[in-house]
Amino acid sequence: MTFKCIIVDDEPPATRILKNYVEKVSFLEEVGVFNDSLKALEYLNSNKVDVIFLDIQMPQLTGLQLSRIISKDVKVIFTTAYPDFALEGFELNAVDYLLKPIAFERFYQAVSKLNLDVKTEVITNNVSEFIFVKTDGKNKFQKVLLNDILYVESLQNYVCIHTSKQQIITHSSLKNVIESLPENDFIQIHKSYVVALKHIESTDSFSVFINAKELPIGATYKDVFFERIDQNKI
Protein backbone atom coordinates (compact mmCIF):
# COMPACT_ATOMS: atom_id res chain seq x y z
CA MET A 1 0.00 0.00 0.00
CA THR A 2 1.20 3.51 -0.86
CA PHE A 3 0.45 6.38 1.51
CA LYS A 4 -0.17 9.80 -0.03
CA CYS A 5 1.43 12.43 2.16
CA ILE A 6 1.91 16.17 2.42
CA ILE A 7 4.54 18.19 4.27
CA VAL A 8 3.50 21.28 6.22
CA ASP A 9 6.38 23.36 7.59
CA ASP A 10 7.23 27.06 7.31
CA GLU A 11 10.99 26.39 7.32
CA PRO A 12 12.34 25.60 3.79
CA PRO A 13 15.37 23.60 5.05
CA ALA A 14 13.03 21.33 7.04
CA THR A 15 10.70 20.76 4.08
CA ARG A 16 13.66 19.90 1.83
CA ILE A 17 14.91 17.29 4.30
CA LEU A 18 11.46 15.72 4.72
CA LYS A 19 10.84 15.73 0.97
CA ASN A 20 14.15 13.94 0.45
CA TYR A 21 13.32 11.37 3.12
CA VAL A 22 9.88 10.70 1.65
CA GLU A 23 11.41 10.05 -1.77
CA LYS A 24 13.60 7.33 -0.24
CA VAL A 25 10.64 5.36 1.17
CA SER A 26 8.88 3.15 -1.35
CA PHE A 27 5.47 3.18 0.34
CA LEU A 28 5.27 6.99 0.61
CA GLU A 29 4.13 9.36 -2.15
CA GLU A 30 4.54 13.11 -1.63
CA VAL A 31 1.59 15.01 -3.14
CA GLY A 32 2.17 18.48 -1.72
CA VAL A 33 4.49 20.74 0.28
CA PHE A 34 3.08 23.75 2.16
CA ASN A 35 4.75 26.51 4.18
CA ASP A 36 1.36 27.85 5.25
CA SER A 37 -1.01 25.79 7.42
CA LEU A 38 -4.10 27.54 6.04
CA LYS A 39 -3.15 26.61 2.49
CA ALA A 40 -2.58 23.05 3.66
CA LEU A 41 -6.05 23.01 5.23
CA GLU A 42 -7.57 24.24 1.98
CA TYR A 43 -5.84 21.43 0.12
CA LEU A 44 -6.95 18.81 2.64
CA ASN A 45 -10.56 19.94 2.32
CA SER A 46 -10.63 18.94 -1.34
CA ASN A 47 -8.01 16.19 -1.69
CA LYS A 48 -7.51 12.76 -0.16
CA VAL A 49 -4.34 12.47 1.89
CA ASP A 50 -3.25 9.57 4.09
CA VAL A 51 -0.44 11.17 6.08
CA ILE A 52 0.63 14.69 7.04
CA PHE A 53 4.10 15.59 8.30
CA LEU A 54 3.15 18.56 10.42
CA ASP A 55 5.30 21.23 12.06
CA ILE A 56 3.84 22.57 15.30
CA GLN A 57 5.14 26.15 15.54
CA MET A 58 3.63 27.98 12.57
CA PRO A 59 1.97 31.40 12.21
CA GLN A 60 -1.83 31.88 11.98
CA LEU A 61 -2.69 28.23 12.63
CA THR A 62 -0.37 25.98 14.64
CA GLY A 63 0.16 22.33 13.83
CA LEU A 64 -1.73 21.28 16.95
CA GLN A 65 -4.69 23.44 15.96
CA LEU A 66 -4.64 22.11 12.39
CA SER A 67 -4.54 18.51 13.60
CA ARG A 68 -7.76 19.07 15.54
CA ILE A 69 -9.54 20.38 12.45
CA ILE A 70 -8.58 17.86 9.78
CA SER A 71 -10.26 14.51 9.19
CA LYS A 72 -9.50 11.81 11.73
CA ASP A 73 -8.68 9.54 8.78
CA VAL A 74 -5.51 11.54 8.12
CA LYS A 75 -2.57 10.20 10.12
CA VAL A 76 -0.40 12.87 11.70
CA ILE A 77 3.36 12.75 12.31
CA PHE A 78 4.44 15.89 14.15
CA THR A 79 7.82 17.45 13.34
CA THR A 80 9.17 20.18 15.60
CA ALA A 81 12.21 21.61 17.33
CA TYR A 82 10.32 21.93 20.62
CA PRO A 83 10.08 18.79 22.82
CA ASP A 84 7.64 20.52 25.18
CA PHE A 85 4.76 19.74 22.80
CA ALA A 86 5.32 15.97 22.77
CA LEU A 87 2.72 15.07 25.40
CA GLU A 88 -0.02 17.16 23.79
CA GLY A 89 0.89 15.74 20.39
CA PHE A 90 0.43 12.17 21.58
CA GLU A 91 -2.82 13.08 23.36
CA LEU A 92 -4.09 13.97 19.87
CA ASN A 93 -3.33 10.37 18.89
CA ALA A 94 -0.49 11.23 16.53
CA VAL A 95 1.37 8.36 14.87
CA ASP A 96 4.67 9.77 16.12
CA TYR A 97 6.50 12.91 17.21
CA LEU A 98 9.81 13.71 15.48
CA LEU A 99 12.22 16.14 17.09
CA LYS A 100 14.37 18.25 14.73
CA PRO A 101 16.98 17.75 13.47
CA ILE A 102 15.45 14.51 12.22
CA ALA A 103 17.72 11.61 11.31
CA PHE A 104 16.55 9.36 8.48
CA GLU A 105 16.65 6.30 10.75
CA ARG A 106 14.24 7.99 13.17
CA PHE A 107 12.03 9.13 10.27
CA TYR A 108 11.83 5.59 8.89
CA GLN A 109 10.97 4.22 12.32
CA ALA A 110 8.02 6.61 12.48
CA VAL A 111 6.62 5.90 9.01
CA SER A 112 7.01 2.15 9.53
CA LYS A 113 4.18 2.42 12.06
CA LEU A 114 1.84 3.31 9.21
CA ASN A 115 2.08 -0.19 7.78
CA LEU A 116 1.02 -1.74 11.09
CA ASP A 117 -2.47 -0.36 10.55
CA VAL A 118 -2.93 -2.26 7.29
CA LYS A 119 -1.50 -5.61 8.42
CA THR A 120 -3.89 -8.32 9.54
CA GLU A 121 -2.37 -9.34 12.87
CA VAL A 122 -5.67 -10.19 14.55
CA ILE A 123 -8.34 -12.48 13.14
CA THR A 124 -11.92 -12.30 14.43
CA ASN A 125 -14.74 -14.80 14.16
CA ASN A 126 -18.33 -14.02 13.20
CA VAL A 127 -19.83 -14.38 16.67
CA SER A 128 -17.12 -12.28 18.36
CA GLU A 129 -16.48 -14.72 21.22
CA PHE A 130 -12.74 -14.87 20.64
CA ILE A 131 -9.91 -13.56 18.51
CA PHE A 132 -6.74 -15.14 17.16
CA VAL A 133 -3.61 -13.14 17.90
CA LYS A 134 -0.37 -13.55 16.01
CA THR A 135 2.45 -14.39 18.42
CA ASP A 136 5.94 -15.91 18.08
CA GLY A 137 6.48 -17.88 14.94
CA LYS A 138 5.78 -17.03 11.32
CA ASN A 139 2.32 -18.59 11.21
CA LYS A 140 1.45 -19.05 14.87
CA PHE A 141 -1.81 -17.58 16.17
CA GLN A 142 -3.07 -17.84 19.73
CA LYS A 143 -6.75 -17.98 20.58
CA VAL A 144 -7.90 -15.38 23.12
CA LEU A 145 -11.40 -15.38 24.62
CA LEU A 146 -12.89 -11.88 24.64
CA ASN A 147 -14.36 -12.49 28.09
CA ASP A 148 -10.83 -12.99 29.43
CA ILE A 149 -9.43 -9.70 28.14
CA LEU A 150 -9.01 -7.14 30.92
CA TYR A 151 -7.32 -4.41 28.90
CA VAL A 152 -5.01 -3.86 25.95
CA GLU A 153 -1.85 -1.79 26.23
CA SER A 154 0.13 -0.14 23.42
CA LEU A 155 3.91 -0.70 23.54
CA GLN A 156 5.17 1.38 20.60
CA ASN A 157 5.24 -1.15 17.71
CA TYR A 158 3.58 -3.86 19.79
CA VAL A 159 0.49 -4.32 21.91
CA CYS A 160 0.11 -6.34 25.08
CA ILE A 161 -3.23 -8.03 25.68
CA HIS A 162 -3.73 -8.44 29.41
CA THR A 163 -6.09 -11.28 30.26
CA SER A 164 -7.22 -12.84 33.51
CA LYS A 165 -4.66 -15.60 32.96
CA GLN A 166 -1.70 -14.19 31.03
CA GLN A 167 -0.18 -11.38 28.96
CA ILE A 168 0.06 -11.80 25.19
CA ILE A 169 2.33 -9.57 23.13
CA THR A 170 1.84 -9.17 19.38
CA HIS A 171 3.46 -7.02 16.71
CA SER A 172 0.53 -4.78 15.81
CA SER A 173 -1.00 -1.38 16.46
CA LEU A 174 -3.56 -0.54 19.10
CA LYS A 175 -5.89 0.73 16.38
CA ASN A 176 -5.77 -2.62 14.60
CA VAL A 177 -6.70 -4.49 17.78
CA ILE A 178 -9.50 -2.03 18.60
CA GLU A 179 -11.11 -2.71 15.23
CA SER A 180 -11.21 -6.40 16.13
CA LEU A 181 -12.99 -5.89 19.46
CA PRO A 182 -16.76 -5.38 19.91
CA GLU A 183 -17.27 -1.67 20.56
CA ASN A 184 -20.09 -2.30 23.03
CA ASP A 185 -17.73 -4.17 25.34
CA PHE A 186 -14.46 -2.23 25.01
CA ILE A 187 -13.53 1.44 25.09
CA GLN A 188 -10.33 3.41 24.62
CA ILE A 189 -9.46 5.53 27.66
CA HIS A 190 -5.97 6.72 26.67
CA LYS A 191 -3.71 6.71 23.64
CA SER A 192 -2.08 3.61 25.13
CA TYR A 193 -5.02 1.76 26.73
CA VAL A 194 -8.27 0.07 25.76
CA VAL A 195 -10.27 -1.49 28.58
CA ALA A 196 -13.04 -4.06 28.91
CA LEU A 197 -16.02 -2.30 30.47
CA LYS A 198 -17.17 -5.43 32.29
CA HIS A 199 -13.82 -5.73 34.12
CA ILE A 200 -13.64 -2.16 35.44
CA GLU A 201 -13.62 -2.37 39.23
CA SER A 202 -13.79 1.40 39.86
CA THR A 203 -12.98 4.75 38.31
CA ASP A 204 -12.39 8.34 39.32
CA SER A 205 -11.78 11.52 37.31
CA PHE A 206 -8.30 10.49 36.28
CA SER A 207 -7.96 6.71 36.42
CA VAL A 208 -9.60 3.35 35.78
CA PHE A 209 -8.88 0.42 38.10
CA ILE A 210 -8.84 -3.11 36.73
CA ASN A 211 -7.47 -6.16 38.53
CA ALA A 212 -5.71 -3.85 41.05
CA LYS A 213 -4.01 -2.01 38.17
CA GLU A 214 -4.43 1.78 37.84
CA LEU A 215 -4.74 2.98 34.22
CA PRO A 216 -4.75 6.69 33.27
CA ILE A 217 -7.66 8.37 31.47
CA GLY A 218 -6.41 10.66 28.69
CA ALA A 219 -8.00 14.08 28.24
CA THR A 220 -8.92 13.26 24.63
CA TYR A 221 -10.97 10.21 25.68
CA LYS A 222 -12.43 11.40 29.00
CA ASP A 223 -15.77 12.77 27.75
CA VAL A 224 -16.68 9.70 25.68
CA PHE A 225 -15.60 7.36 28.47
CA PHE A 226 -17.74 9.01 31.13
CA GLU A 227 -20.69 9.16 28.75
CA ARG A 228 -20.49 5.34 28.62
CA ILE A 229 -20.17 5.17 32.40
CA ASP A 230 -23.23 7.44 32.82
CA GLN A 231 -25.31 4.97 30.80
CA ASN A 232 -24.82 2.40 33.54
CA LYS A 233 -25.08 4.58 36.63
CA ILE A 234 -27.83 4.14 39.21
C-alpha atoms as a PDB file:
ATOM      1  CA  MET A   1       0.000   0.000   0.000  1.00  0.00           C
ATOM      2  CA  THR A   2       1.199   3.508  -0.856  1.00  0.00           C
ATOM      3  CA  PHE A   3       0.448   6.382   1.513  1.00  0.00           C
ATOM      4  CA  LYS A   4      -0.172   9.799  -0.034  1.00  0.00           C
ATOM      5  CA  CYS A   5       1.431  12.430   2.162  1.00  0.00           C
ATOM      6  CA  ILE A   6       1.905  16.171   2.421  1.00  0.00           C
ATOM      7  CA  ILE A   7       4.538  18.188   4.269  1.00  0.00           C
ATOM      8  CA  VAL A   8       3.501  21.277   6.221  1.00  0.00           C
ATOM      9  CA  ASP A   9       6.378  23.362   7.588  1.00  0.00           C
ATOM     10  CA  ASP A  10       7.229  27.063   7.308  1.00  0.00           C
ATOM     11  CA  GLU A  11      10.987  26.387   7.316  1.00  0.00           C
ATOM     12  CA  PRO A  12      12.337  25.597   3.789  1.00  0.00           C
ATOM     13  CA  PRO A  13      15.366  23.599   5.049  1.00  0.00           C
ATOM     14  CA  ALA A  14      13.026  21.332   7.039  1.00  0.00           C
ATOM     15  CA  THR A  15      10.699  20.756   4.078  1.00  0.00           C
ATOM     16  CA  ARG A  16      13.658  19.897   1.834  1.00  0.00           C
ATOM     17  CA  ILE A  17      14.905  17.293   4.297  1.00  0.00           C
ATOM     18  CA  LEU A  18      11.464  15.718   4.721  1.00  0.00           C
ATOM     19  CA  LYS A  19      10.841  15.728   0.970  1.00  0.00           C
ATOM     20  CA  ASN A  20      14.154  13.940   0.455  1.00  0.00           C
ATOM     21  CA  TYR A  21      13.321  11.374   3.119  1.00  0.00           C
ATOM     22  CA  VAL A  22       9.876  10.698   1.645  1.00  0.00           C
ATOM     23  CA  GLU A  23      11.414  10.050  -1.773  1.00  0.00           C
ATOM     24  CA  LYS A  24      13.596   7.332  -0.235  1.00  0.00           C
ATOM     25  CA  VAL A  25      10.644   5.362   1.169  1.00  0.00           C
ATOM     26  CA  SER A  26       8.879   3.147  -1.354  1.00  0.00           C
ATOM     27  CA  PHE A  27       5.467   3.176   0.343  1.00  0.00           C
ATOM     28  CA  LEU A  28       5.267   6.989   0.610  1.00  0.00           C
ATOM     29  CA  GLU A  29       4.133   9.364  -2.151  1.00  0.00           C
ATOM     30  CA  GLU A  30       4.535  13.111  -1.627  1.00  0.00           C
ATOM     31  CA  VAL A  31       1.593  15.012  -3.136  1.00  0.00           C
ATOM     32  CA  GLY A  32       2.170  18.476  -1.719  1.00  0.00           C
ATOM     33  CA  VAL A  33       4.489  20.741   0.282  1.00  0.00           C
ATOM     34  CA  PHE A  34       3.085  23.748   2.156  1.00  0.00           C
ATOM     35  CA  ASN A  35       4.747  26.507   4.177  1.00  0.00           C
ATOM     36  CA  ASP A  36       1.356  27.848   5.254  1.00  0.00           C
ATOM     37  CA  SER A  37      -1.008  25.795   7.416  1.00  0.00           C
ATOM     38  CA  LEU A  38      -4.104  27.542   6.043  1.00  0.00           C
ATOM     39  CA  LYS A  39      -3.154  26.608   2.492  1.00  0.00           C
ATOM     40  CA  ALA A  40      -2.582  23.047   3.664  1.00  0.00           C
ATOM     41  CA  LEU A  41      -6.053  23.008   5.229  1.00  0.00           C
ATOM     42  CA  GLU A  42      -7.574  24.242   1.982  1.00  0.00           C
ATOM     43  CA  TYR A  43      -5.838  21.431   0.115  1.00  0.00           C
ATOM     44  CA  LEU A  44      -6.953  18.809   2.645  1.00  0.00           C
ATOM     45  CA  ASN A  45     -10.561  19.937   2.315  1.00  0.00           C
ATOM     46  CA  SER A  46     -10.628  18.944  -1.341  1.00  0.00           C
ATOM     47  CA  ASN A  47      -8.012  16.193  -1.688  1.00  0.00           C
ATOM     48  CA  LYS A  48      -7.512  12.762  -0.156  1.00  0.00           C
ATOM     49  CA  VAL A  49      -4.344  12.467   1.893  1.00  0.00           C
ATOM     50  CA  ASP A  50      -3.249   9.569   4.086  1.00  0.00           C
ATOM     51  CA  VAL A  51      -0.437  11.172   6.084  1.00  0.00           C
ATOM     52  CA  ILE A  52       0.628  14.693   7.044  1.00  0.00           C
ATOM     53  CA  PHE A  53       4.104  15.594   8.296  1.00  0.00           C
ATOM     54  CA  LEU A  54       3.153  18.561  10.418  1.00  0.00           C
ATOM     55  CA  ASP A  55       5.302  21.229  12.061  1.00  0.00           C
ATOM     56  CA  ILE A  56       3.835  22.572  15.303  1.00  0.00           C
ATOM     57  CA  GLN A  57       5.139  26.145  15.544  1.00  0.00           C
ATOM     58  CA  MET A  58       3.627  27.982  12.568  1.00  0.00           C
ATOM     59  CA  PRO A  59       1.966  31.404  12.210  1.00  0.00           C
ATOM     60  CA  GLN A  60      -1.828  31.877  11.977  1.00  0.00           C
ATOM     61  CA  LEU A  61      -2.693  28.227  12.634  1.00  0.00           C
ATOM     62  CA  THR A  62      -0.370  25.980  14.639  1.00  0.00           C
ATOM     63  CA  GLY A  63       0.160  22.329  13.835  1.00  0.00           C
ATOM     64  CA  LEU A  64      -1.729  21.277  16.953  1.00  0.00           C
ATOM     65  CA  GLN A  65      -4.694  23.440  15.956  1.00  0.00           C
ATOM     66  CA  LEU A  66      -4.639  22.108  12.390  1.00  0.00           C
ATOM     67  CA  SER A  67      -4.544  18.507  13.600  1.00  0.00           C
ATOM     68  CA  ARG A  68      -7.762  19.074  15.543  1.00  0.00           C
ATOM     69  CA  ILE A  69      -9.542  20.375  12.450  1.00  0.00           C
ATOM     70  CA  ILE A  70      -8.584  17.863   9.780  1.00  0.00           C
ATOM     71  CA  SER A  71     -10.259  14.513   9.187  1.00  0.00           C
ATOM     72  CA  LYS A  72      -9.499  11.806  11.729  1.00  0.00           C
ATOM     73  CA  ASP A  73      -8.683   9.538   8.780  1.00  0.00           C
ATOM     74  CA  VAL A  74      -5.506  11.543   8.116  1.00  0.00           C
ATOM     75  CA  LYS A  75      -2.575  10.197  10.115  1.00  0.00           C
ATOM     76  CA  VAL A  76      -0.396  12.870  11.704  1.00  0.00           C
ATOM     77  CA  ILE A  77       3.355  12.749  12.307  1.00  0.00           C
ATOM     78  CA  PHE A  78       4.443  15.890  14.147  1.00  0.00           C
ATOM     79  CA  THR A  79       7.821  17.450  13.343  1.00  0.00           C
ATOM     80  CA  THR A  80       9.169  20.177  15.604  1.00  0.00           C
ATOM     81  CA  ALA A  81      12.211  21.613  17.332  1.00  0.00           C
ATOM     82  CA  TYR A  82      10.316  21.930  20.620  1.00  0.00           C
ATOM     83  CA  PRO A  83      10.077  18.790  22.825  1.00  0.00           C
ATOM     84  CA  ASP A  84       7.636  20.521  25.183  1.00  0.00           C
ATOM     85  CA  PHE A  85       4.765  19.745  22.805  1.00  0.00           C
ATOM     86  CA  ALA A  86       5.323  15.974  22.766  1.00  0.00           C
ATOM     87  CA  LEU A  87       2.716  15.073  25.401  1.00  0.00           C
ATOM     88  CA  GLU A  88      -0.015  17.157  23.788  1.00  0.00           C
ATOM     89  CA  GLY A  89       0.893  15.742  20.386  1.00  0.00           C
ATOM     90  CA  PHE A  90       0.433  12.168  21.584  1.00  0.00           C
ATOM     91  CA  GLU A  91      -2.817  13.082  23.355  1.00  0.00           C
ATOM     92  CA  LEU A  92      -4.087  13.966  19.874  1.00  0.00           C
ATOM     93  CA  ASN A  93      -3.328  10.370  18.895  1.00  0.00           C
ATOM     94  CA  ALA A  94      -0.489  11.231  16.526  1.00  0.00           C
ATOM     95  CA  VAL A  95       1.374   8.364  14.875  1.00  0.00           C
ATOM     96  CA  ASP A  96       4.667   9.773  16.121  1.00  0.00           C
ATOM     97  CA  TYR A  97       6.500  12.911  17.213  1.00  0.00           C
ATOM     98  CA  LEU A  98       9.810  13.710  15.481  1.00  0.00           C
ATOM     99  CA  LEU A  99      12.222  16.142  17.087  1.00  0.00           C
ATOM    100  CA  LYS A 100      14.367  18.255  14.734  1.00  0.00           C
ATOM    101  CA  PRO A 101      16.981  17.750  13.474  1.00  0.00           C
ATOM    102  CA  ILE A 102      15.450  14.510  12.223  1.00  0.00           C
ATOM    103  CA  ALA A 103      17.718  11.611  11.308  1.00  0.00           C
ATOM    104  CA  PHE A 104      16.545   9.357   8.481  1.00  0.00           C
ATOM    105  CA  GLU A 105      16.653   6.299  10.749  1.00  0.00           C
ATOM    106  CA  ARG A 106      14.237   7.988  13.169  1.00  0.00           C
ATOM    107  CA  PHE A 107      12.031   9.130  10.270  1.00  0.00           C
ATOM    108  CA  TYR A 108      11.831   5.590   8.885  1.00  0.00           C
ATOM    109  CA  GLN A 109      10.973   4.217  12.318  1.00  0.00           C
ATOM    110  CA  ALA A 110       8.017   6.610  12.477  1.00  0.00           C
ATOM    111  CA  VAL A 111       6.623   5.896   9.011  1.00  0.00           C
ATOM    112  CA  SER A 112       7.006   2.152   9.532  1.00  0.00           C
ATOM    113  CA  LYS A 113       4.182   2.420  12.061  1.00  0.00           C
ATOM    114  CA  LEU A 114       1.839   3.305   9.208  1.00  0.00           C
ATOM    115  CA  ASN A 115       2.080  -0.191   7.784  1.00  0.00           C
ATOM    116  CA  LEU A 116       1.022  -1.742  11.095  1.00  0.00           C
ATOM    117  CA  ASP A 117      -2.473  -0.362  10.548  1.00  0.00           C
ATOM    118  CA  VAL A 118      -2.931  -2.263   7.290  1.00  0.00           C
ATOM    119  CA  LYS A 119      -1.500  -5.609   8.422  1.00  0.00           C
ATOM    120  CA  THR A 120      -3.891  -8.319   9.542  1.00  0.00           C
ATOM    121  CA  GLU A 121      -2.370  -9.342  12.869  1.00  0.00           C
ATOM    122  CA  VAL A 122      -5.666 -10.191  14.555  1.00  0.00           C
ATOM    123  CA  ILE A 123      -8.339 -12.476  13.139  1.00  0.00           C
ATOM    124  CA  THR A 124     -11.919 -12.301  14.427  1.00  0.00           C
ATOM    125  CA  ASN A 125     -14.744 -14.797  14.157  1.00  0.00           C
ATOM    126  CA  ASN A 126     -18.329 -14.019  13.199  1.00  0.00           C
ATOM    127  CA  VAL A 127     -19.834 -14.377  16.666  1.00  0.00           C
ATOM    128  CA  SER A 128     -17.123 -12.281  18.357  1.00  0.00           C
ATOM    129  CA  GLU A 129     -16.480 -14.715  21.215  1.00  0.00           C
ATOM    130  CA  PHE A 130     -12.742 -14.869  20.639  1.00  0.00           C
ATOM    131  CA  ILE A 131      -9.906 -13.555  18.506  1.00  0.00           C
ATOM    132  CA  PHE A 132      -6.742 -15.143  17.158  1.00  0.00           C
ATOM    133  CA  VAL A 133      -3.610 -13.136  17.902  1.00  0.00           C
ATOM    134  CA  LYS A 134      -0.367 -13.546  16.005  1.00  0.00           C
ATOM    135  CA  THR A 135       2.450 -14.394  18.418  1.00  0.00           C
ATOM    136  CA  ASP A 136       5.937 -15.914  18.081  1.00  0.00           C
ATOM    137  CA  GLY A 137       6.484 -17.876  14.936  1.00  0.00           C
ATOM    138  CA  LYS A 138       5.779 -17.031  11.317  1.00  0.00           C
ATOM    139  CA  ASN A 139       2.316 -18.590  11.209  1.00  0.00           C
ATOM    140  CA  LYS A 140       1.447 -19.050  14.870  1.00  0.00           C
ATOM    141  CA  PHE A 141      -1.814 -17.580  16.165  1.00  0.00           C
ATOM    142  CA  GLN A 142      -3.074 -17.836  19.726  1.00  0.00           C
ATOM    143  CA  LYS A 143      -6.755 -17.983  20.583  1.00  0.00           C
ATOM    144  CA  VAL A 144      -7.898 -15.382  23.118  1.00  0.00           C
ATOM    145  CA  LEU A 145     -11.395 -15.383  24.617  1.00  0.00           C
ATOM    146  CA  LEU A 146     -12.891 -11.885  24.640  1.00  0.00           C
ATOM    147  CA  ASN A 147     -14.357 -12.487  28.088  1.00  0.00           C
ATOM    148  CA  ASP A 148     -10.832 -12.994  29.432  1.00  0.00           C
ATOM    149  CA  ILE A 149      -9.428  -9.697  28.143  1.00  0.00           C
ATOM    150  CA  LEU A 150      -9.008  -7.139  30.925  1.00  0.00           C
ATOM    151  CA  TYR A 151      -7.321  -4.408  28.902  1.00  0.00           C
ATOM    152  CA  VAL A 152      -5.010  -3.860  25.945  1.00  0.00           C
ATOM    153  CA  GLU A 153      -1.847  -1.794  26.227  1.00  0.00           C
ATOM    154  CA  SER A 154       0.129  -0.145  23.416  1.00  0.00           C
ATOM    155  CA  LEU A 155       3.912  -0.705  23.541  1.00  0.00           C
ATOM    156  CA  GLN A 156       5.166   1.378  20.598  1.00  0.00           C
ATOM    157  CA  ASN A 157       5.237  -1.146  17.713  1.00  0.00           C
ATOM    158  CA  TYR A 158       3.576  -3.857  19.795  1.00  0.00           C
ATOM    159  CA  VAL A 159       0.487  -4.320  21.909  1.00  0.00           C
ATOM    160  CA  CYS A 160       0.106  -6.339  25.077  1.00  0.00           C
ATOM    161  CA  ILE A 161      -3.231  -8.032  25.676  1.00  0.00           C
ATOM    162  CA  HIS A 162      -3.730  -8.437  29.414  1.00  0.00           C
ATOM    163  CA  THR A 163      -6.088 -11.281  30.258  1.00  0.00           C
ATOM    164  CA  SER A 164      -7.218 -12.836  33.508  1.00  0.00           C
ATOM    165  CA  LYS A 165      -4.658 -15.598  32.962  1.00  0.00           C
ATOM    166  CA  GLN A 166      -1.705 -14.187  31.032  1.00  0.00           C
ATOM    167  CA  GLN A 167      -0.182 -11.379  28.963  1.00  0.00           C
ATOM    168  CA  ILE A 168       0.058 -11.804  25.188  1.00  0.00           C
ATOM    169  CA  ILE A 169       2.327  -9.565  23.125  1.00  0.00           C
ATOM    170  CA  THR A 170       1.838  -9.173  19.382  1.00  0.00           C
ATOM    171  CA  HIS A 171       3.464  -7.016  16.712  1.00  0.00           C
ATOM    172  CA  SER A 172       0.530  -4.780  15.809  1.00  0.00           C
ATOM    173  CA  SER A 173      -1.002  -1.378  16.456  1.00  0.00           C
ATOM    174  CA  LEU A 174      -3.562  -0.538  19.097  1.00  0.00           C
ATOM    175  CA  LYS A 175      -5.894   0.726  16.380  1.00  0.00           C
ATOM    176  CA  ASN A 176      -5.770  -2.619  14.601  1.00  0.00           C
ATOM    177  CA  VAL A 177      -6.695  -4.493  17.781  1.00  0.00           C
ATOM    178  CA  ILE A 178      -9.501  -2.026  18.601  1.00  0.00           C
ATOM    179  CA  GLU A 179     -11.107  -2.709  15.230  1.00  0.00           C
ATOM    180  CA  SER A 180     -11.206  -6.403  16.128  1.00  0.00           C
ATOM    181  CA  LEU A 181     -12.985  -5.890  19.457  1.00  0.00           C
ATOM    182  CA  PRO A 182     -16.760  -5.380  19.910  1.00  0.00           C
ATOM    183  CA  GLU A 183     -17.270  -1.666  20.564  1.00  0.00           C
ATOM    184  CA  ASN A 184     -20.093  -2.302  23.033  1.00  0.00           C
ATOM    185  CA  ASP A 185     -17.725  -4.171  25.339  1.00  0.00           C
ATOM    186  CA  PHE A 186     -14.457  -2.233  25.011  1.00  0.00           C
ATOM    187  CA  ILE A 187     -13.531   1.436  25.095  1.00  0.00           C
ATOM    188  CA  GLN A 188     -10.329   3.408  24.617  1.00  0.00           C
ATOM    189  CA  ILE A 189      -9.460   5.533  27.662  1.00  0.00           C
ATOM    190  CA  HIS A 190      -5.974   6.720  26.674  1.00  0.00           C
ATOM    191  CA  LYS A 191      -3.714   6.706  23.638  1.00  0.00           C
ATOM    192  CA  SER A 192      -2.079   3.610  25.133  1.00  0.00           C
ATOM    193  CA  TYR A 193      -5.015   1.756  26.734  1.00  0.00           C
ATOM    194  CA  VAL A 194      -8.271   0.071  25.764  1.00  0.00           C
ATOM    195  CA  VAL A 195     -10.274  -1.488  28.579  1.00  0.00           C
ATOM    196  CA  ALA A 196     -13.044  -4.058  28.913  1.00  0.00           C
ATOM    197  CA  LEU A 197     -16.018  -2.296  30.472  1.00  0.00           C
ATOM    198  CA  LYS A 198     -17.166  -5.426  32.291  1.00  0.00           C
ATOM    199  CA  HIS A 199     -13.824  -5.730  34.124  1.00  0.00           C
ATOM    200  CA  ILE A 200     -13.641  -2.156  35.435  1.00  0.00           C
ATOM    201  CA  GLU A 201     -13.625  -2.366  39.232  1.00  0.00           C
ATOM    202  CA  SER A 202     -13.794   1.397  39.863  1.00  0.00           C
ATOM    203  CA  THR A 203     -12.977   4.753  38.312  1.00  0.00           C
ATOM    204  CA  ASP A 204     -12.393   8.343  39.319  1.00  0.00           C
ATOM    205  CA  SER A 205     -11.784  11.523  37.312  1.00  0.00           C
ATOM    206  CA  PHE A 206      -8.296  10.485  36.282  1.00  0.00           C
ATOM    207  CA  SER A 207      -7.964   6.714  36.418  1.00  0.00           C
ATOM    208  CA  VAL A 208      -9.603   3.352  35.783  1.00  0.00           C
ATOM    209  CA  PHE A 209      -8.876   0.425  38.102  1.00  0.00           C
ATOM    210  CA  ILE A 210      -8.844  -3.114  36.730  1.00  0.00           C
ATOM    211  CA  ASN A 211      -7.474  -6.156  38.534  1.00  0.00           C
ATOM    212  CA  ALA A 212      -5.709  -3.852  41.051  1.00  0.00           C
ATOM    213  CA  LYS A 213      -4.007  -2.009  38.173  1.00  0.00           C
ATOM    214  CA  GLU A 214      -4.432   1.781  37.836  1.00  0.00           C
ATOM    215  CA  LEU A 215      -4.742   2.978  34.222  1.00  0.00           C
ATOM    216  CA  PRO A 216      -4.752   6.688  33.272  1.00  0.00           C
ATOM    217  CA  ILE A 217      -7.660   8.366  31.470  1.00  0.00           C
ATOM    218  CA  GLY A 218      -6.412  10.657  28.693  1.00  0.00           C
ATOM    219  CA  ALA A 219      -8.004  14.083  28.236  1.00  0.00           C
ATOM    220  CA  THR A 220      -8.922  13.260  24.630  1.00  0.00           C
ATOM    221  CA  TYR A 221     -10.970  10.209  25.682  1.00  0.00           C
ATOM    222  CA  LYS A 222     -12.427  11.405  28.997  1.00  0.00           C
ATOM    223  CA  ASP A 223     -15.773  12.771  27.748  1.00  0.00           C
ATOM    224  CA  VAL A 224     -16.677   9.699  25.683  1.00  0.00           C
ATOM    225  CA  PHE A 225     -15.599   7.359  28.467  1.00  0.00           C
ATOM    226  CA  PHE A 226     -17.745   9.012  31.126  1.00  0.00           C
ATOM    227  CA  GLU A 227     -20.692   9.158  28.746  1.00  0.00           C
ATOM    228  CA  ARG A 228     -20.491   5.343  28.624  1.00  0.00           C
ATOM    229  CA  ILE A 229     -20.172   5.175  32.404  1.00  0.00           C
ATOM    230  CA  ASP A 230     -23.226   7.435  32.823  1.00  0.00           C
ATOM    231  CA  GLN A 231     -25.312   4.969  30.796  1.00  0.00           C
ATOM    232  CA  ASN A 232     -24.819   2.395  33.540  1.00  0.00           C
ATOM    233  CA  LYS A 233     -25.080   4.575  36.629  1.00  0.00           C
ATOM    234  CA  ILE A 234     -27.832   4.143  39.211  1.00  0.00           C
END
